[in-house]
Amino acid sequence: MVQLDLVQNGERGKFLLELGRTILRLEKARRELLNTDPGDKEKLLAASRKVDKLVVEYYRAKYNHRIGAAVTEGQI
C-alpha cells in the first residue's frame, strides 16, 4: 500500500512537472505571438500555429492524466 502511494505520488509529480513546462512554453509562445507584427502574415501564422499546438499538447496531457488517475483509482 505504501509503495503504491509512492508510485502514485511520483507519477503525479512527474505529471505536474510536465504540465508546468508545457504551460511555460505556451506562455512564451503566446508572448511571441503578441509581439509579432500584424503586417507580417507568415510570422503571425507560424506563431499562431505554435500556440495552437501547445494548447492541444496541454489539454492532451491533462486529459491523459485524468484517464490514468481514474483507471488507477478503479473508476474506469
PDB file of N, CA and C in Angstrom:
ATOM      1  N   MET A   1       0.825  -1.196   0.000  1.00  0.00           N
ATOM      2  CA  MET A   1       0.000   0.000   0.000  1.00  0.00           C
ATOM      3  C   MET A   1       0.865   1.255   0.000  1.00  0.00           C
ATOM      4  N   VAL A   2       1.880   1.302   0.878  1.00  0.00           N
ATOM      5  CA  VAL A   2       2.749   2.472   0.949  1.00  0.00           C
ATOM      6  C   VAL A   2       3.522   2.634  -0.348  1.00  0.00           C
ATOM      7  N   GLN A   3       4.012   1.529  -0.889  1.00  0.00           N
ATOM      8  CA  GLN A   3       4.763   1.599  -2.135  1.00  0.00           C
ATOM      9  C   GLN A   3       3.869   2.100  -3.276  1.00  0.00           C
ATOM     10  N   LEU A   4       2.620   1.691  -3.303  1.00  0.00           N
ATOM     11  CA  LEU A   4       1.696   2.151  -4.328  1.00  0.00           C
ATOM     12  C   LEU A   4       1.489   3.657  -4.213  1.00  0.00           C
ATOM     13  N   ASP A   5       1.365   4.163  -2.974  1.00  0.00           N
ATOM     14  CA  ASP A   5       1.214   5.603  -2.774  1.00  0.00           C
ATOM     15  C   ASP A   5       2.428   6.360  -3.292  1.00  0.00           C
ATOM     16  N   LEU A   6       3.619   5.818  -3.057  1.00  0.00           N
ATOM     17  CA  LEU A   6       4.833   6.471  -3.538  1.00  0.00           C
ATOM     18  C   LEU A   6       4.859   6.501  -5.058  1.00  0.00           C
ATOM     19  N   VAL A   7       4.427   5.426  -5.686  1.00  0.00           N
ATOM     20  CA  VAL A   7       4.390   5.369  -7.145  1.00  0.00           C
ATOM     21  C   VAL A   7       3.393   6.393  -7.660  1.00  0.00           C
ATOM     22  N   GLN A   8       2.215   6.446  -7.041  1.00  0.00           N
ATOM     23  CA  GLN A   8       1.202   7.403  -7.482  1.00  0.00           C
ATOM     24  C   GLN A   8       1.680   8.833  -7.272  1.00  0.00           C
ATOM     25  N   ASN A   9       2.309   9.110  -6.143  1.00  0.00           N
ATOM     26  CA  ASN A   9       2.821  10.460  -5.884  1.00  0.00           C
ATOM     27  C   ASN A   9       3.944  10.809  -6.848  1.00  0.00           C
ATOM     28  N   GLY A  10       4.785   9.852  -7.161  1.00  0.00           N
ATOM     29  CA  GLY A  10       5.859  10.086  -8.122  1.00  0.00           C
ATOM     30  C   GLY A  10       5.314  10.380  -9.504  1.00  0.00           C
ATOM     31  N   GLU A  11       4.290   9.637  -9.896  1.00  0.00           N
ATOM     32  CA  GLU A  11       3.665   9.874 -11.196  1.00  0.00           C
ATOM     33  C   GLU A  11       2.975  11.227 -11.220  1.00  0.00           C
ATOM     34  N   ARG A  12       2.333  11.596 -10.121  1.00  0.00           N
ATOM     35  CA  ARG A  12       1.652  12.888 -10.061  1.00  0.00           C
ATOM     36  C   ARG A  12       2.664  14.029 -10.153  1.00  0.00           C
ATOM     37  N   GLY A  13       3.785  13.887  -9.464  1.00  0.00           N
ATOM     38  CA  GLY A  13       4.830  14.907  -9.521  1.00  0.00           C
ATOM     39  C   GLY A  13       5.390  15.051 -10.920  1.00  0.00           C
ATOM     40  N   LYS A  14       5.579  13.919 -11.568  1.00  0.00           N
ATOM     41  CA  LYS A  14       6.082  13.915 -12.941  1.00  0.00           C
ATOM     42  C   LYS A  14       5.076  14.598 -13.871  1.00  0.00           C
ATOM     43  N   PHE A  15       3.798  14.284 -13.663  1.00  0.00           N
ATOM     44  CA  PHE A  15       2.740  14.896 -14.467  1.00  0.00           C
ATOM     45  C   PHE A  15       2.711  16.406 -14.262  1.00  0.00           C
ATOM     46  N   LEU A  16       2.773  16.852 -13.008  1.00  0.00           N
ATOM     47  CA  LEU A  16       2.716  18.283 -12.727  1.00  0.00           C
ATOM     48  C   LEU A  16       3.917  19.014 -13.314  1.00  0.00           C
ATOM     49  N   LEU A  17       5.065  18.387 -13.258  1.00  0.00           N
ATOM     50  CA  LEU A  17       6.264  18.985 -13.843  1.00  0.00           C
ATOM     51  C   LEU A  17       6.113  19.123 -15.355  1.00  0.00           C
ATOM     52  N   GLU A  18       5.624  18.080 -15.994  1.00  0.00           N
ATOM     53  CA  GLU A  18       5.408  18.111 -17.444  1.00  0.00           C
ATOM     54  C   GLU A  18       4.373  19.172 -17.814  1.00  0.00           C
ATOM     55  N   LEU A  19       3.293  19.232 -17.042  1.00  0.00           N
ATOM     56  CA  LEU A  19       2.249  20.215 -17.310  1.00  0.00           C
ATOM     57  C   LEU A  19       2.770  21.635 -17.101  1.00  0.00           C
ATOM     58  N   GLY A  20       3.568  21.834 -16.067  1.00  0.00           N
ATOM     59  CA  GLY A  20       4.154  23.146 -15.804  1.00  0.00           C
ATOM     60  C   GLY A  20       5.074  23.595 -16.927  1.00  0.00           C
ATOM     61  N   ARG A  21       5.861  22.674 -17.433  1.00  0.00           N
ATOM     62  CA  ARG A  21       6.754  23.005 -18.559  1.00  0.00           C
ATOM     63  C   ARG A  21       5.954  23.372 -19.800  1.00  0.00           C
ATOM     64  N   THR A  22       4.866  22.653 -20.029  1.00  0.00           N
ATOM     65  CA  THR A  22       4.019  22.950 -21.184  1.00  0.00           C
ATOM     66  C   THR A  22       3.395  24.332 -21.031  1.00  0.00           C
ATOM     67  N   ILE A  23       2.970  24.672 -19.833  1.00  0.00           N
ATOM     68  CA  ILE A  23       2.387  25.998 -19.587  1.00  0.00           C
ATOM     69  C   ILE A  23       3.425  27.087 -19.837  1.00  0.00           C
ATOM     70  N   LEU A  24       4.647  26.874 -19.381  1.00  0.00           N
ATOM     71  CA  LEU A  24       5.702  27.872 -19.615  1.00  0.00           C
ATOM     72  C   LEU A  24       5.984  28.036 -21.104  1.00  0.00           C
ATOM     73  N   ARG A  25       6.051  26.929 -21.836  1.00  0.00           N
ATOM     74  CA  ARG A  25       6.273  27.007 -23.282  1.00  0.00           C
ATOM     75  C   ARG A  25       5.106  27.706 -23.974  1.00  0.00           C
ATOM     76  N   LEU A  26       3.904  27.441 -23.492  1.00  0.00           N
ATOM     77  CA  LEU A  26       2.716  28.075 -24.055  1.00  0.00           C
ATOM     78  C   LEU A  26       2.732  29.587 -23.812  1.00  0.00           C
ATOM     79  N   GLU A  27       3.089  29.991 -22.614  1.00  0.00           N
ATOM     80  CA  GLU A  27       3.156  31.428 -22.300  1.00  0.00           C
ATOM     81  C   GLU A  27       4.225  32.130 -23.134  1.00  0.00           C
ATOM     82  N   LYS A  28       5.357  31.461 -23.323  1.00  0.00           N
ATOM     83  CA  LYS A  28       6.420  32.046 -24.147  1.00  0.00           C
ATOM     84  C   LYS A  28       5.940  32.212 -25.596  1.00  0.00           C
ATOM     85  N   ALA A  29       5.274  31.197 -26.115  1.00  0.00           N
ATOM     86  CA  ALA A  29       4.764  31.260 -27.486  1.00  0.00           C
ATOM     87  C   ALA A  29       3.674  32.331 -27.609  1.00  0.00           C
ATOM     88  N   ARG A  30       2.861  32.469 -26.576  1.00  0.00           N
ATOM     89  CA  ARG A  30       1.809  33.488 -26.583  1.00  0.00           C
ATOM     90  C   ARG A  30       2.410  34.888 -26.617  1.00  0.00           C
ATOM     91  N   ARG A  31       3.471  35.096 -25.828  1.00  0.00           N
ATOM     92  CA  ARG A  31       4.160  36.404 -25.840  1.00  0.00           C
ATOM     93  C   ARG A  31       4.750  36.687 -27.213  1.00  0.00           C
ATOM     94  N   GLU A  32       5.340  35.663 -27.828  1.00  0.00           N
ATOM     95  CA  GLU A  32       5.891  35.835 -29.182  1.00  0.00           C
ATOM     96  C   GLU A  32       4.786  36.200 -30.164  1.00  0.00           C
ATOM     97  N   LEU A  33       3.634  35.559 -30.031  1.00  0.00           N
ATOM     98  CA  LEU A  33       2.505  35.849 -30.907  1.00  0.00           C
ATOM     99  C   LEU A  33       2.057  37.303 -30.732  1.00  0.00           C
ATOM    100  N   LEU A  34       1.956  37.744 -29.480  1.00  0.00           N
ATOM    101  CA  LEU A  34       1.522  39.119 -29.214  1.00  0.00           C
ATOM    102  C   LEU A  34       2.532  40.151 -29.705  1.00  0.00           C
ATOM    103  N   ASN A  35       3.810  39.789 -29.732  1.00  0.00           N
ATOM    104  CA  ASN A  35       4.851  40.721 -30.175  1.00  0.00           C
ATOM    105  C   ASN A  35       5.093  40.680 -31.686  1.00  0.00           C
ATOM    106  N   THR A  36       4.426  39.772 -32.373  1.00  0.00           N
ATOM    107  CA  THR A  36       4.603  39.655 -33.819  1.00  0.00           C
ATOM    108  C   THR A  36       3.887  40.800 -34.529  1.00  0.00           C
ATOM    109  N   ASP A  37       4.557  41.342 -35.524  1.00  0.00           N
ATOM    110  CA  ASP A  37       3.984  42.426 -36.331  1.00  0.00           C
ATOM    111  C   ASP A  37       2.753  41.914 -37.079  1.00  0.00           C
ATOM    112  N   PRO A  38       1.588  42.545 -36.868  1.00  0.00           N
ATOM    113  CA  PRO A  38       0.366  42.087 -37.545  1.00  0.00           C
ATOM    114  C   PRO A  38       0.460  42.135 -39.069  1.00  0.00           C
ATOM    115  N   GLY A  39       1.357  42.927 -39.603  1.00  0.00           N
ATOM    116  CA  GLY A  39       1.524  43.012 -41.054  1.00  0.00           C
ATOM    117  C   GLY A  39       2.295  41.848 -41.639  1.00  0.00           C
ATOM    118  N   ASP A  40       3.067  41.167 -40.808  1.00  0.00           N
ATOM    119  CA  ASP A  40       3.865  40.030 -41.272  1.00  0.00           C
ATOM    120  C   ASP A  40       3.041  38.747 -41.124  1.00  0.00           C
ATOM    121  N   LYS A  41       2.263  38.448 -42.130  1.00  0.00           N
ATOM    122  CA  LYS A  41       1.309  37.331 -42.077  1.00  0.00           C
ATOM    123  C   LYS A  41       1.985  35.974 -41.891  1.00  0.00           C
ATOM    124  N   GLU A  42       3.151  35.783 -42.490  1.00  0.00           N
ATOM    125  CA  GLU A  42       3.854  34.497 -42.375  1.00  0.00           C
ATOM    126  C   GLU A  42       4.283  34.228 -40.928  1.00  0.00           C
ATOM    127  N   LYS A  43       4.916  35.229 -40.321  1.00  0.00           N
ATOM    128  CA  LYS A  43       5.360  35.064 -38.925  1.00  0.00           C
ATOM    129  C   LYS A  43       4.160  34.946 -37.989  1.00  0.00           C
ATOM    130  N   LEU A  44       3.110  35.702 -38.260  1.00  0.00           N
ATOM    131  CA  LEU A  44       1.905  35.661 -37.442  1.00  0.00           C
ATOM    132  C   LEU A  44       1.262  34.274 -37.504  1.00  0.00           C
ATOM    133  N   LEU A  45       1.180  33.716 -38.682  1.00  0.00           N
ATOM    134  CA  LEU A  45       0.608  32.385 -38.858  1.00  0.00           C
ATOM    135  C   LEU A  45       1.463  31.324 -38.165  1.00  0.00           C
ATOM    136  N   ALA A  46       2.777  31.431 -38.303  1.00  0.00           N
ATOM    137  CA  ALA A  46       3.674  30.463 -37.656  1.00  0.00           C
ATOM    138  C   ALA A  46       3.553  30.536 -36.135  1.00  0.00           C
ATOM    139  N   ALA A  47       3.504  31.745 -35.592  1.00  0.00           N
ATOM    140  CA  ALA A  47       3.384  31.913 -34.130  1.00  0.00           C
ATOM    141  C   ALA A  47       2.033  31.403 -33.653  1.00  0.00           C
ATOM    142  N   SER A  48       0.988  31.651 -34.427  1.00  0.00           N
ATOM    143  CA  SER A  48      -0.351  31.189 -34.069  1.00  0.00           C
ATOM    144  C   SER A  48      -0.431  29.659 -34.070  1.00  0.00           C
ATOM    145  N   ARG A  49       0.181  29.051 -35.059  1.00  0.00           N
ATOM    146  CA  ARG A  49       0.195  27.581 -35.123  1.00  0.00           C
ATOM    147  C   ARG A  49       0.952  26.982 -33.943  1.00  0.00           C
ATOM    148  N   LYS A  50       2.026  27.634 -33.544  1.00  0.00           N
ATOM    149  CA  LYS A  50       2.813  27.153 -32.403  1.00  0.00           C
ATOM    150  C   LYS A  50       1.970  27.201 -31.129  1.00  0.00           C
ATOM    151  N   VAL A  51       1.241  28.299 -30.924  1.00  0.00           N
ATOM    152  CA  VAL A  51       0.364  28.418 -29.753  1.00  0.00           C
ATOM    153  C   VAL A  51      -0.716  27.339 -29.815  1.00  0.00           C
ATOM    154  N   ASP A  52      -1.333  27.155 -30.967  1.00  0.00           N
ATOM    155  CA  ASP A  52      -2.371  26.132 -31.120  1.00  0.00           C
ATOM    156  C   ASP A  52      -1.841  24.747 -30.766  1.00  0.00           C
ATOM    157  N   LYS A  53      -0.655  24.437 -31.259  1.00  0.00           N
ATOM    158  CA  LYS A  53      -0.042  23.126 -30.990  1.00  0.00           C
ATOM    159  C   LYS A  53       0.185  22.923 -29.493  1.00  0.00           C
ATOM    160  N   LEU A  54       0.654  23.960 -28.823  1.00  0.00           N
ATOM    161  CA  LEU A  54       0.924  23.851 -27.392  1.00  0.00           C
ATOM    162  C   LEU A  54      -0.358  23.766 -26.567  1.00  0.00           C
ATOM    163  N   VAL A  55      -1.413  24.430 -27.014  1.00  0.00           N
ATOM    164  CA  VAL A  55      -2.708  24.319 -26.323  1.00  0.00           C
ATOM    165  C   VAL A  55      -3.217  22.883 -26.417  1.00  0.00           C
ATOM    166  N   VAL A  56      -3.113  22.301 -27.597  1.00  0.00           N
ATOM    167  CA  VAL A  56      -3.528  20.903 -27.773  1.00  0.00           C
ATOM    168  C   VAL A  56      -2.669  19.986 -26.905  1.00  0.00           C
ATOM    169  N   GLU A  57      -1.364  20.223 -26.868  1.00  0.00           N
ATOM    170  CA  GLU A  57      -0.460  19.417 -26.047  1.00  0.00           C
ATOM    171  C   GLU A  57      -0.844  19.501 -24.564  1.00  0.00           C
ATOM    172  N   TYR A  58      -1.172  20.705 -24.103  1.00  0.00           N
ATOM    173  CA  TYR A  58      -1.571  20.912 -22.711  1.00  0.00           C
ATOM    174  C   TYR A  58      -2.833  20.102 -22.385  1.00  0.00           C
ATOM    175  N   TYR A  59      -3.864  20.246 -23.200  1.00  0.00           N
ATOM    176  CA  TYR A  59      -5.117  19.542 -22.919  1.00  0.00           C
ATOM    177  C   TYR A  59      -4.979  18.042 -23.085  1.00  0.00           C
ATOM    178  N   ARG A  60      -4.150  17.608 -24.011  1.00  0.00           N
ATOM    179  CA  ARG A  60      -3.929  16.176 -24.182  1.00  0.00           C
ATOM    180  C   ARG A  60      -3.249  15.592 -22.937  1.00  0.00           C
ATOM    181  N   ALA A  61      -2.238  16.280 -22.429  1.00  0.00           N
ATOM    182  CA  ALA A  61      -1.536  15.811 -21.223  1.00  0.00           C
ATOM    183  C   ALA A  61      -2.488  15.795 -20.030  1.00  0.00           C
ATOM    184  N   LYS A  62      -3.291  16.835 -19.901  1.00  0.00           N
ATOM    185  CA  LYS A  62      -4.225  16.926 -18.785  1.00  0.00           C
ATOM    186  C   LYS A  62      -5.287  15.825 -18.873  1.00  0.00           C
ATOM    187  N   TYR A  63      -5.824  15.609 -20.054  1.00  0.00           N
ATOM    188  CA  TYR A  63      -6.845  14.584 -20.246  1.00  0.00           C
ATOM    189  C   TYR A  63      -6.276  13.187 -20.008  1.00  0.00           C
ATOM    190  N   ASN A  64      -5.103  12.905 -20.546  1.00  0.00           N
ATOM    191  CA  ASN A  64      -4.489  11.595 -20.378  1.00  0.00           C
ATOM    192  C   ASN A  64      -4.196  11.308 -18.914  1.00  0.00           C
ATOM    193  N   HIS A  65      -3.802  12.325 -18.157  1.00  0.00           N
ATOM    194  CA  HIS A  65      -3.543  12.124 -16.733  1.00  0.00           C
ATOM    195  C   HIS A  65      -4.841  11.795 -15.996  1.00  0.00           C
ATOM    196  N   ARG A  66      -5.919  12.475 -16.346  1.00  0.00           N
ATOM    197  CA  ARG A  66      -7.208  12.216 -15.704  1.00  0.00           C
ATOM    198  C   ARG A  66      -7.670  10.794 -15.956  1.00  0.00           C
ATOM    199  N   ILE A  67      -7.514  10.335 -17.188  1.00  0.00           N
ATOM    200  CA  ILE A  67      -7.904   8.967 -17.528  1.00  0.00           C
ATOM    201  C   ILE A  67      -7.051   7.972 -16.746  1.00  0.00           C
ATOM    202  N   GLY A  68      -5.744   8.225 -16.688  1.00  0.00           N
ATOM    203  CA  GLY A  68      -4.848   7.338 -15.933  1.00  0.00           C
ATOM    204  C   GLY A  68      -5.183   7.308 -14.469  1.00  0.00           C
ATOM    205  N   ALA A  69      -5.512   8.458 -13.874  1.00  0.00           N
ATOM    206  CA  ALA A  69      -5.869   8.524 -12.466  1.00  0.00           C
ATOM    207  C   ALA A  69      -7.170   7.774 -12.217  1.00  0.00           C
ATOM    208  N   ALA A  70      -8.128   7.910 -13.121  1.00  0.00           N
ATOM    209  CA  ALA A  70      -9.409   7.207 -12.959  1.00  0.00           C
ATOM    210  C   ALA A  70      -9.216   5.706 -13.038  1.00  0.00           C
ATOM    211  N   VAL A  71      -8.350   5.249 -13.917  1.00  0.00           N
ATOM    212  CA  VAL A  71      -8.075   3.818 -14.036  1.00  0.00           C
ATOM    213  C   VAL A  71      -7.392   3.310 -12.772  1.00  0.00           C
ATOM    214  N   THR A  72      -6.421   4.073 -12.278  1.00  0.00           N
ATOM    215  CA  THR A  72      -5.687   3.685 -11.068  1.00  0.00           C
ATOM    216  C   THR A  72      -6.620   3.603  -9.866  1.00  0.00           C
ATOM    217  N   GLU A  73      -7.559   4.521  -9.785  1.00  0.00           N
ATOM    218  CA  GLU A  73      -8.477   4.551  -8.649  1.00  0.00           C
ATOM    219  C   GLU A  73      -9.649   3.585  -8.825  1.00  0.00           C
ATOM    220  N   GLY A  74      -9.714   2.896  -9.948  1.00  0.00           N
ATOM    221  CA  GLY A  74     -10.754   1.912 -10.193  1.00  0.00           C
ATOM    222  C   GLY A  74     -12.076   2.510 -10.649  1.00  0.00           C
ATOM    223  N   GLN A  75     -12.071   3.736 -11.122  1.00  0.00           N
ATOM    224  CA  GLN A  75     -13.310   4.359 -11.575  1.00  0.00           C
ATOM    225  C   GLN A  75     -13.673   3.942 -12.988  1.00  0.00           C
ATOM    226  N   ILE A  76     -12.702   3.457 -13.732  1.00  0.00           N
ATOM    227  CA  ILE A  76     -12.981   3.018 -15.111  1.00  0.00           C
ATOM    228  C   ILE A  76     -12.694   1.541 -15.211  1.00  0.00           C
TER     229      ILE A  76
END
